[in-house]
Amino acid sequence: DSAWFDGFTLTGATQSAITNLLAGPTYRNLIIENNGNTTTGEGAGMSNSVSSPRIEKCIFRNNKANIGGAMNNSASNVSLVECQFIGNTNDVDFDPPGPSGEGGAIRQVAASILTLEHCVFRSNLAGQSGGAIESLDSSLRIFNCEFLNNQVFKHGCGGAIHPGPCHTRAACESMSH
């Protein structure tokens, strides 16, 4: 059995607005905005560790953390369907940005699997790499998604997606129908 959460707004959190640890909930129709994780510094909107959440029709907007502005995934299998990531940032207040400025919208590590279907990533900003998504030693599956105006501060890499130095192209699927 897993939990379902539907139709509410989470705003103003000073740690991750949602933390999943060893969990597999479903989130639908949520607005997760204006959260700032300055405590643990990971995923101001949502932090997933050894979890498998399904997230549908949610909006992650204007969240800020040191890494993974809106979401951080560690050893997790995350599915996002028809979600929007707009104006999320990380570690961009420093010049030069620090090494933790990865994944303006999403950062994933530790053999995580991220599946994106019909999602929009717009105007997300990372301090170092992965303006929209940073994926280190993990897999991406991307189907019919849009990446618009995502950026890396200064001389970083991966304006939209940075698959990390240990990735192979086979670990990332990009399909359009």
Protein backbone atom coordinates (compact mmCIF):
# COMPACT_ATOMS: atom_id res chain seq x y z
CA ASP A 1 0.00 0.00 0.00
CA SER A 2 1.16 3.51 -0.71
CA ALA A 3 -0.06 6.97 0.19
CA TRP A 4 -1.80 9.40 -2.19
CA PHE A 5 -1.60 13.18 -1.92
CA ASP A 6 -3.81 15.29 -4.19
CA GLY A 7 -4.52 18.96 -4.77
CA PHE A 8 -2.74 21.25 -2.32
CA THR A 9 0.05 23.86 -2.18
CA LEU A 10 3.32 23.66 -0.26
CA THR A 11 5.14 26.98 0.13
CA GLY A 12 7.66 28.67 2.40
CA ALA A 13 9.48 25.56 3.69
CA THR A 14 13.01 26.14 4.96
CA GLN A 15 13.97 22.48 4.47
CA SER A 16 12.60 20.13 1.80
CA ALA A 17 8.84 20.71 1.55
CA ILE A 18 8.45 16.93 1.03
CA THR A 19 10.91 14.27 2.16
CA ASN A 20 10.52 10.66 1.02
CA LEU A 21 12.66 8.05 2.76
CA LEU A 22 12.03 4.40 1.90
CA ALA A 23 8.63 5.44 0.51
CA GLY A 24 6.55 5.06 -2.65
CA PRO A 25 3.76 7.65 -2.52
CA THR A 26 1.84 9.22 -5.39
CA TYR A 27 1.52 13.01 -5.62
CA ARG A 28 -1.01 14.62 -7.94
CA ASN A 29 -2.05 18.22 -8.68
CA LEU A 30 0.31 19.84 -6.16
CA ILE A 31 1.88 23.27 -6.34
CA ILE A 32 5.29 23.27 -4.67
CA GLU A 33 6.68 26.80 -4.75
CA ASN A 34 8.84 29.39 -3.02
CA ASN A 35 10.66 26.91 -0.78
CA GLY A 36 14.29 27.44 0.21
CA ASN A 37 16.36 24.65 1.68
CA THR A 38 19.26 26.29 3.44
CA THR A 39 19.52 23.58 6.12
CA THR A 40 20.38 20.34 4.32
CA GLY A 41 20.72 22.12 0.99
CA GLU A 42 19.07 19.38 -1.10
CA GLY A 43 15.82 19.64 -3.06
CA ALA A 44 13.82 22.53 -1.61
CA GLY A 45 10.60 21.13 -3.11
CA MET A 46 11.19 17.40 -2.65
CA SER A 47 13.99 15.15 -1.45
CA ASN A 48 13.87 11.42 -2.31
CA SER A 49 16.16 8.85 -0.74
CA VAL A 50 15.78 5.14 -1.52
CA SER A 51 12.22 5.90 -2.63
CA SER A 52 9.96 5.47 -5.65
CA PRO A 53 7.45 8.32 -5.82
CA ARG A 54 5.12 8.90 -8.75
CA ILE A 55 4.46 12.59 -9.34
CA GLU A 56 1.67 13.67 -11.70
CA LYS A 57 0.52 17.11 -12.88
CA CYS A 58 2.52 18.97 -10.24
CA ILE A 59 4.14 22.39 -10.51
CA PHE A 60 7.56 23.05 -8.95
CA ARG A 61 8.13 26.80 -9.10
CA ASN A 62 10.72 29.21 -7.63
CA ASN A 63 12.37 26.73 -5.27
CA LYS A 64 16.01 27.18 -4.23
CA ALA A 65 18.52 24.79 -2.67
CA ASN A 66 22.28 24.31 -2.81
CA ILE A 67 21.82 21.21 -5.02
CA GLY A 68 18.69 20.17 -6.89
CA GLY A 69 16.77 23.43 -6.63
CA ALA A 70 13.34 21.77 -6.76
CA MET A 71 14.18 18.07 -6.29
CA ASN A 72 17.06 15.86 -5.17
CA ASN A 73 17.03 12.08 -5.78
CA SER A 74 19.42 9.60 -4.20
CA ALA A 75 19.18 5.86 -4.94
CA SER A 76 15.56 6.44 -6.01
CA ASN A 77 13.27 5.52 -8.91
CA VAL A 78 11.23 8.65 -9.63
CA SER A 79 8.47 9.00 -12.22
CA LEU A 80 7.26 12.47 -13.28
CA VAL A 81 4.23 12.81 -15.59
CA GLU A 82 2.91 16.14 -16.93
CA CYS A 83 4.87 18.18 -14.39
CA GLN A 84 6.29 21.68 -14.73
CA PHE A 85 9.58 22.96 -13.32
CA ILE A 86 9.73 26.74 -13.60
CA GLY A 87 12.30 29.20 -12.23
CA ASN A 88 14.06 26.84 -9.79
CA THR A 89 17.65 27.67 -8.85
CA ASN A 90 20.65 26.58 -6.84
CA ASP A 91 23.92 27.98 -5.61
CA VAL A 92 23.94 30.96 -7.98
CA ASP A 93 24.53 33.69 -5.39
CA PHE A 94 28.24 32.98 -5.25
CA ASP A 95 30.87 34.22 -7.69
CA PRO A 96 32.29 31.87 -8.73
CA PRO A 97 29.56 29.34 -7.90
CA GLY A 98 30.55 26.57 -5.51
CA PRO A 99 30.85 22.89 -6.37
CA SER A 100 27.40 22.16 -4.99
CA GLY A 101 25.56 24.15 -7.68
CA GLU A 102 24.22 21.14 -9.56
CA GLY A 103 20.75 20.71 -11.07
CA GLY A 104 18.75 23.93 -11.19
CA ALA A 105 15.51 21.92 -11.13
CA ILE A 106 16.56 18.30 -10.42
CA ARG A 107 19.71 16.57 -9.25
CA GLN A 108 20.00 12.80 -9.02
CA VAL A 109 22.80 10.54 -7.80
CA ALA A 110 23.58 7.01 -6.60
CA ALA A 111 22.06 4.92 -9.40
CA SER A 112 18.75 6.77 -9.38
CA ILE A 113 16.33 6.32 -12.27
CA LEU A 114 14.35 9.34 -13.43
CA THR A 115 11.50 8.90 -15.93
CA LEU A 116 10.00 12.07 -17.42
CA GLU A 117 6.84 12.06 -19.55
CA HIS A 118 5.28 15.21 -21.03
CA CYS A 119 7.11 17.53 -18.59
CA VAL A 120 8.19 21.16 -19.09
CA PHE A 121 11.44 22.63 -17.75
CA ARG A 122 11.52 26.41 -18.15
CA SER A 123 13.91 29.11 -16.88
CA ASN A 124 15.76 26.97 -14.33
CA LEU A 125 19.27 28.04 -13.35
CA ALA A 126 22.19 26.08 -11.91
CA GLY A 127 25.36 27.45 -10.39
CA GLN A 128 27.70 24.86 -11.88
CA SER A 129 26.05 22.22 -14.10
CA GLY A 130 22.71 20.96 -15.34
CA GLY A 131 20.55 24.07 -15.73
CA ALA A 132 17.45 21.85 -15.61
CA ILE A 133 18.81 18.38 -14.67
CA GLU A 134 22.07 17.04 -13.26
CA SER A 135 22.32 13.25 -13.39
CA LEU A 136 25.39 11.64 -11.80
CA ASP A 137 25.86 7.87 -12.07
CA SER A 138 22.14 7.56 -12.75
CA SER A 139 19.72 6.95 -15.63
CA LEU A 140 17.35 9.29 -17.46
CA ARG A 141 14.33 8.34 -19.54
CA ILE A 142 12.80 11.34 -21.27
CA PHE A 143 9.60 11.17 -23.35
CA ASN A 144 7.98 14.22 -25.03
CA CYS A 145 9.40 16.86 -22.71
CA GLU A 146 10.24 20.52 -23.36
CA PHE A 147 13.38 22.28 -22.14
CA LEU A 148 13.21 26.07 -22.57
CA ASN A 149 15.62 28.80 -21.39
CA ASN A 150 17.43 26.69 -18.79
CA GLN A 151 20.91 28.00 -18.00
CA VAL A 152 24.13 27.39 -16.15
CA PHE A 153 25.72 30.34 -14.38
CA LYS A 154 28.99 31.54 -15.87
CA HIS A 155 31.12 28.77 -17.43
CA GLY A 156 29.23 25.67 -16.31
CA CYS A 157 28.12 22.80 -18.52
CA GLY A 158 24.80 21.30 -19.53
CA GLY A 159 22.43 24.24 -19.98
CA ALA A 160 19.44 21.87 -20.03
CA ILE A 161 20.80 18.45 -19.03
CA HIS A 162 24.21 17.44 -17.72
CA PRO A 163 24.58 13.66 -17.58
CA GLY A 164 27.73 13.80 -15.45
CA PRO A 165 31.23 12.64 -16.22
CA CYS A 166 30.58 8.93 -15.61
CA HIS A 167 27.59 8.59 -17.92
CA THR A 168 27.32 6.79 -21.20
CA ARG A 169 24.84 7.76 -23.88
CA ALA A 170 23.08 4.42 -23.46
CA ALA A 171 21.93 5.48 -19.99
CA CYS A 172 19.74 8.25 -21.42
CA GLU A 173 16.71 7.66 -23.62
CA SER A 174 15.05 10.57 -25.37
CA MET A 175 11.91 9.82 -27.33
CA SER A 176 9.36 11.98 -29.11
CA HIS A 177 6.01 10.81 -30.45
